[in-house]
Structure formats: C-alpha cells, structure tokens
Amino acid sequence: MQREAISLGGVLMRVLAALALVYGTWNPFGYSFVDWAIEPLFGGPATDGPAALKFLVGVLLVVGWAIFLTATRRSLGLWGALLALALTGGVIWLLITYNLVSARSSRGIANVALISLALCLAAGVSWSFVSRRISGQIDTDVVE
C-alpha cells in the first residue's frame, strides 16, 4: 500500500483553487460569475458572452462548490465548520480593532470574508492529510 502524503505545495494549490472558486463566483470588484451571468437576468447591465458559455461556467462552478463543500463537511463536520466561522468572525473583529480593515469598508470586509471562506474550504479538502500527519490516524469512508 502506497502511503499518500501532502506537501506544502499541495496545500497551497488547494488554497489557490478555493480562492479561484470563491472569487470566481462572486467578489466585490465586479468581475465574477454573478456579475457576468446572473445580474443581467435580473435587470443588471448587459454583459457579453453566449448563454451556452455562461451555462457551462455556471455548471463548472456548481461542481467545484459541490466538491469543496462535500469534502469540508466530511472532514470538518458541523462543529468544525462552526469553529471555522467563529475563527473568521474573530479575524475580522481583530482586523477592525487594529484598523487594518475599516468597519465602514464593505469591500474590505467582503475580501476578508471571502479569503476566510476559501481558507476554510481549503482546510476541509486538506484536513484528512494534515490530520493523518499530526495524529498518525487515517480517515476513511470505506467500510469493508
């Protein structure tokens, strides 16, 4: 049996994939799937691009969210997700306390929340590998 391991590069790739998923879906800069494909359906400004391409990108985003959310739910569970949300709230509070992000800056708060969400998703996808390295125990869903 080959022992699977995860490297720092593997974790960073998962973080980058989660950031791409989160920011590709929506971001405060106005360059996202929501701005490109969803808002025009509800009276927002018209955007270029064939409907088939918008549909395909939407399906790919849903697949990405399904993969990340399922892995995160299985790895972290409800309590882990709640702790991750609490950690996110604490980070935002700390950044506001030290005036690194203004409480009046919706863009700043949105970016911190999106980065925190991406880190939570990346942790969920990577957690089994990290947990095995820390504890020596293997997580599995396979029952024989």
C-alpha atoms as a PDB file:
ATOM      1  CA  MET A   1       0.000   0.000   0.000  1.00  0.00           C
ATOM      2  CA  GLN A   2       1.427   3.335  -1.046  1.00  0.00           C
ATOM      3  CA  ARG A   3       1.334   5.992   1.637  1.00  0.00           C
ATOM      4  CA  GLU A   4      -0.177   9.236   0.420  1.00  0.00           C
ATOM      5  CA  ALA A   5       1.282  12.455   1.761  1.00  0.00           C
ATOM      6  CA  ILE A   6       0.583  16.081   1.213  1.00  0.00           C
ATOM      7  CA  SER A   7       3.214  18.739   0.780  1.00  0.00           C
ATOM      8  CA  LEU A   8       3.108  22.440   1.425  1.00  0.00           C
ATOM      9  CA  GLY A   9       2.754  22.856  -2.330  1.00  0.00           C
ATOM     10  CA  GLY A  10      -0.292  20.578  -2.288  1.00  0.00           C
ATOM     11  CA  VAL A  11      -1.928  22.658   0.433  1.00  0.00           C
ATOM     12  CA  LEU A  12      -1.109  25.890  -1.422  1.00  0.00           C
ATOM     13  CA  MET A  13      -2.651  24.503  -4.626  1.00  0.00           C
ATOM     14  CA  ARG A  14      -5.826  23.708  -2.684  1.00  0.00           C
ATOM     15  CA  VAL A  15      -5.859  27.245  -1.241  1.00  0.00           C
ATOM     16  CA  LEU A  16      -5.427  28.744  -4.729  1.00  0.00           C
ATOM     17  CA  ALA A  17      -8.206  26.516  -6.121  1.00  0.00           C
ATOM     18  CA  ALA A  18     -10.525  27.553  -3.275  1.00  0.00           C
ATOM     19  CA  LEU A  19      -9.688  31.243  -3.831  1.00  0.00           C
ATOM     20  CA  ALA A  20     -10.399  30.865  -7.565  1.00  0.00           C
ATOM     21  CA  LEU A  21     -13.729  29.186  -6.801  1.00  0.00           C
ATOM     22  CA  VAL A  22     -14.830  31.751  -4.223  1.00  0.00           C
ATOM     23  CA  TYR A  23     -13.663  34.858  -6.122  1.00  0.00           C
ATOM     24  CA  GLY A  24     -14.841  33.423  -9.455  1.00  0.00           C
ATOM     25  CA  THR A  25     -18.325  33.017  -8.055  1.00  0.00           C
ATOM     26  CA  TRP A  26     -18.597  36.493  -6.515  1.00  0.00           C
ATOM     27  CA  ASN A  27     -16.259  39.269  -5.466  1.00  0.00           C
ATOM     28  CA  PRO A  28     -16.627  42.945  -4.588  1.00  0.00           C
ATOM     29  CA  PHE A  29     -14.666  44.086  -7.672  1.00  0.00           C
ATOM     30  CA  GLY A  30     -17.474  43.382 -10.148  1.00  0.00           C
ATOM     31  CA  TYR A  31     -15.620  40.705 -12.143  1.00  0.00           C
ATOM     32  CA  SER A  32     -17.327  37.435 -11.224  1.00  0.00           C
ATOM     33  CA  PHE A  33     -19.838  34.890 -12.460  1.00  0.00           C
ATOM     34  CA  VAL A  34     -22.608  36.663 -10.566  1.00  0.00           C
ATOM     35  CA  ASP A  35     -21.780  39.986 -12.261  1.00  0.00           C
ATOM     36  CA  TRP A  36     -21.279  38.387 -15.690  1.00  0.00           C
ATOM     37  CA  ALA A  37     -24.147  35.914 -15.886  1.00  0.00           C
ATOM     38  CA  ILE A  38     -26.644  36.337 -13.052  1.00  0.00           C
ATOM     39  CA  GLU A  39     -27.165  40.098 -12.596  1.00  0.00           C
ATOM     40  CA  PRO A  40     -28.160  40.695 -16.255  1.00  0.00           C
ATOM     41  CA  LEU A  41     -31.005  38.210 -15.754  1.00  0.00           C
ATOM     42  CA  PHE A  42     -32.450  40.489 -13.062  1.00  0.00           C
ATOM     43  CA  GLY A  43     -32.147  43.811 -14.834  1.00  0.00           C
ATOM     44  CA  GLY A  44     -28.444  44.445 -14.293  1.00  0.00           C
ATOM     45  CA  PRO A  45     -26.195  45.759 -17.047  1.00  0.00           C
ATOM     46  CA  ALA A  46     -25.968  43.502 -20.091  1.00  0.00           C
ATOM     47  CA  THR A  47     -22.718  41.572 -20.495  1.00  0.00           C
ATOM     48  CA  ASP A  48     -21.017  39.902 -23.431  1.00  0.00           C
ATOM     49  CA  GLY A  49     -20.819  36.182 -23.863  1.00  0.00           C
ATOM     50  CA  PRO A  50     -23.012  33.467 -25.271  1.00  0.00           C
ATOM     51  CA  ALA A  51     -25.602  31.952 -22.974  1.00  0.00           C
ATOM     52  CA  ALA A  52     -24.120  28.489 -23.545  1.00  0.00           C
ATOM     53  CA  LEU A  53     -20.747  29.639 -22.189  1.00  0.00           C
ATOM     54  CA  LYS A  54     -22.388  31.224 -19.152  1.00  0.00           C
ATOM     55  CA  PHE A  55     -24.287  27.986 -18.542  1.00  0.00           C
ATOM     56  CA  LEU A  56     -21.123  25.885 -18.826  1.00  0.00           C
ATOM     57  CA  VAL A  57     -19.168  28.134 -16.456  1.00  0.00           C
ATOM     58  CA  GLY A  58     -22.097  28.037 -14.013  1.00  0.00           C
ATOM     59  CA  VAL A  59     -22.160  24.241 -14.062  1.00  0.00           C
ATOM     60  CA  LEU A  60     -18.387  24.101 -13.515  1.00  0.00           C
ATOM     61  CA  LEU A  61     -18.725  26.428 -10.516  1.00  0.00           C
ATOM     62  CA  VAL A  62     -21.513  24.264  -9.059  1.00  0.00           C
ATOM     63  CA  VAL A  63     -19.313  21.176  -9.491  1.00  0.00           C
ATOM     64  CA  GLY A  64     -16.433  22.979  -7.760  1.00  0.00           C
ATOM     65  CA  TRP A  65     -18.658  24.047  -4.864  1.00  0.00           C
ATOM     66  CA  ALA A  66     -20.055  20.518  -4.545  1.00  0.00           C
ATOM     67  CA  ILE A  67     -16.556  19.027  -4.342  1.00  0.00           C
ATOM     68  CA  PHE A  68     -15.244  21.562  -1.820  1.00  0.00           C
ATOM     69  CA  LEU A  69     -18.367  21.639   0.357  1.00  0.00           C
ATOM     70  CA  THR A  70     -18.699  17.856   0.455  1.00  0.00           C
ATOM     71  CA  ALA A  71     -15.038  17.403   1.383  1.00  0.00           C
ATOM     72  CA  THR A  72     -15.264  20.143   4.004  1.00  0.00           C
ATOM     73  CA  ARG A  73     -18.433  18.693   5.522  1.00  0.00           C
ATOM     74  CA  ARG A  74     -16.891  15.236   5.715  1.00  0.00           C
ATOM     75  CA  SER A  75     -13.560  16.472   7.065  1.00  0.00           C
ATOM     76  CA  LEU A  76     -14.564  19.203   9.484  1.00  0.00           C
ATOM     77  CA  GLY A  77     -18.173  18.326  10.275  1.00  0.00           C
ATOM     78  CA  LEU A  78     -20.705  20.735  11.759  1.00  0.00           C
ATOM     79  CA  TRP A  79     -18.608  21.665  14.793  1.00  0.00           C
ATOM     80  CA  GLY A  80     -15.500  22.218  12.707  1.00  0.00           C
ATOM     81  CA  ALA A  81     -17.411  24.442  10.313  1.00  0.00           C
ATOM     82  CA  LEU A  82     -18.869  26.425  13.217  1.00  0.00           C
ATOM     83  CA  LEU A  83     -15.384  26.824  14.682  1.00  0.00           C
ATOM     84  CA  ALA A  84     -14.113  27.984  11.293  1.00  0.00           C
ATOM     85  CA  LEU A  85     -16.911  30.569  11.144  1.00  0.00           C
ATOM     86  CA  ALA A  86     -16.084  31.696  14.681  1.00  0.00           C
ATOM     87  CA  LEU A  87     -12.429  31.992  13.693  1.00  0.00           C
ATOM     88  CA  THR A  88     -13.433  34.048  10.648  1.00  0.00           C
ATOM     89  CA  GLY A  89     -15.505  36.379  12.797  1.00  0.00           C
ATOM     90  CA  GLY A  90     -12.615  36.727  15.234  1.00  0.00           C
ATOM     91  CA  VAL A  91     -10.166  37.561  12.442  1.00  0.00           C
ATOM     92  CA  ILE A  92     -12.499  40.228  11.041  1.00  0.00           C
ATOM     93  CA  TRP A  93     -13.002  41.680  14.525  1.00  0.00           C
ATOM     94  CA  LEU A  94      -9.222  41.728  15.125  1.00  0.00           C
ATOM     95  CA  LEU A  95      -8.526  43.400  11.777  1.00  0.00           C
ATOM     96  CA  ILE A  96     -11.121  46.068  12.554  1.00  0.00           C
ATOM     97  CA  THR A  97      -9.765  46.532  16.093  1.00  0.00           C
ATOM     98  CA  TYR A  98      -6.246  47.196  14.755  1.00  0.00           C
ATOM     99  CA  ASN A  99      -7.603  49.431  11.966  1.00  0.00           C
ATOM    100  CA  LEU A 100      -6.237  47.137   9.258  1.00  0.00           C
ATOM    101  CA  VAL A 101      -9.719  46.988   7.747  1.00  0.00           C
ATOM    102  CA  SER A 102     -12.319  49.680   8.190  1.00  0.00           C
ATOM    103  CA  ALA A 103     -15.679  48.603   9.577  1.00  0.00           C
ATOM    104  CA  ARG A 104     -17.185  51.025   7.041  1.00  0.00           C
ATOM    105  CA  SER A 105     -15.414  49.348   4.127  1.00  0.00           C
ATOM    106  CA  SER A 106     -17.807  46.796   2.703  1.00  0.00           C
ATOM    107  CA  ARG A 107     -15.175  45.852   0.112  1.00  0.00           C
ATOM    108  CA  GLY A 108     -12.552  45.225   2.816  1.00  0.00           C
ATOM    109  CA  ILE A 109     -14.901  43.152   4.970  1.00  0.00           C
ATOM    110  CA  ALA A 110     -16.068  41.219   1.890  1.00  0.00           C
ATOM    111  CA  ASN A 111     -12.472  40.395   0.916  1.00  0.00           C
ATOM    112  CA  VAL A 112     -11.601  39.201   4.426  1.00  0.00           C
ATOM    113  CA  ALA A 113     -14.757  37.058   4.492  1.00  0.00           C
ATOM    114  CA  LEU A 114     -14.054  35.594   1.025  1.00  0.00           C
ATOM    115  CA  ILE A 115     -10.445  34.785   1.904  1.00  0.00           C
ATOM    116  CA  SER A 116     -11.598  33.212   5.180  1.00  0.00           C
ATOM    117  CA  LEU A 117     -14.198  31.130   3.345  1.00  0.00           C
ATOM    118  CA  ALA A 118     -11.578  29.974   0.837  1.00  0.00           C
ATOM    119  CA  LEU A 119      -9.183  29.038   3.653  1.00  0.00           C
ATOM    120  CA  CYS A 120     -11.965  27.098   5.383  1.00  0.00           C
ATOM    121  CA  LEU A 121     -12.740  25.203   2.163  1.00  0.00           C
ATOM    122  CA  ALA A 122      -9.047  24.515   1.541  1.00  0.00           C
ATOM    123  CA  ALA A 123      -8.680  23.258   5.111  1.00  0.00           C
ATOM    124  CA  GLY A 124     -11.651  20.961   4.594  1.00  0.00           C
ATOM    125  CA  VAL A 125     -10.153  19.495   1.430  1.00  0.00           C
ATOM    126  CA  SER A 126      -6.720  19.119   3.061  1.00  0.00           C
ATOM    127  CA  TRP A 127      -7.758  18.145   6.584  1.00  0.00           C
ATOM    128  CA  SER A 128      -7.533  14.364   6.228  1.00  0.00           C
ATOM    129  CA  PHE A 129      -3.924  14.646   5.053  1.00  0.00           C
ATOM    130  CA  VAL A 130      -2.994  17.143   7.783  1.00  0.00           C
ATOM    131  CA  SER A 131      -4.780  15.155  10.487  1.00  0.00           C
ATOM    132  CA  ARG A 132      -3.006  11.953   9.448  1.00  0.00           C
ATOM    133  CA  ARG A 133       0.349  13.705   9.589  1.00  0.00           C
ATOM    134  CA  ILE A 134      -0.374  15.164  13.048  1.00  0.00           C
ATOM    135  CA  SER A 135      -2.039  12.144  14.662  1.00  0.00           C
ATOM    136  CA  GLY A 136      -0.929   9.188  12.555  1.00  0.00           C
ATOM    137  CA  GLN A 137      -4.576   8.129  12.168  1.00  0.00           C
ATOM    138  CA  ILE A 138      -6.201   7.563   8.794  1.00  0.00           C
ATOM    139  CA  ASP A 139      -9.684   8.878   7.932  1.00  0.00           C
ATOM    140  CA  THR A 140     -11.757   6.782   5.592  1.00  0.00           C
ATOM    141  CA  ASP A 141     -15.343   6.447   4.404  1.00  0.00           C
ATOM    142  CA  VAL A 142     -14.752   2.941   3.035  1.00  0.00           C
ATOM    143  CA  VAL A 143     -16.200   0.138   5.163  1.00  0.00           C
ATOM    144  CA  GLU A 144     -15.347  -3.444   4.207  1.00  0.00           C
END
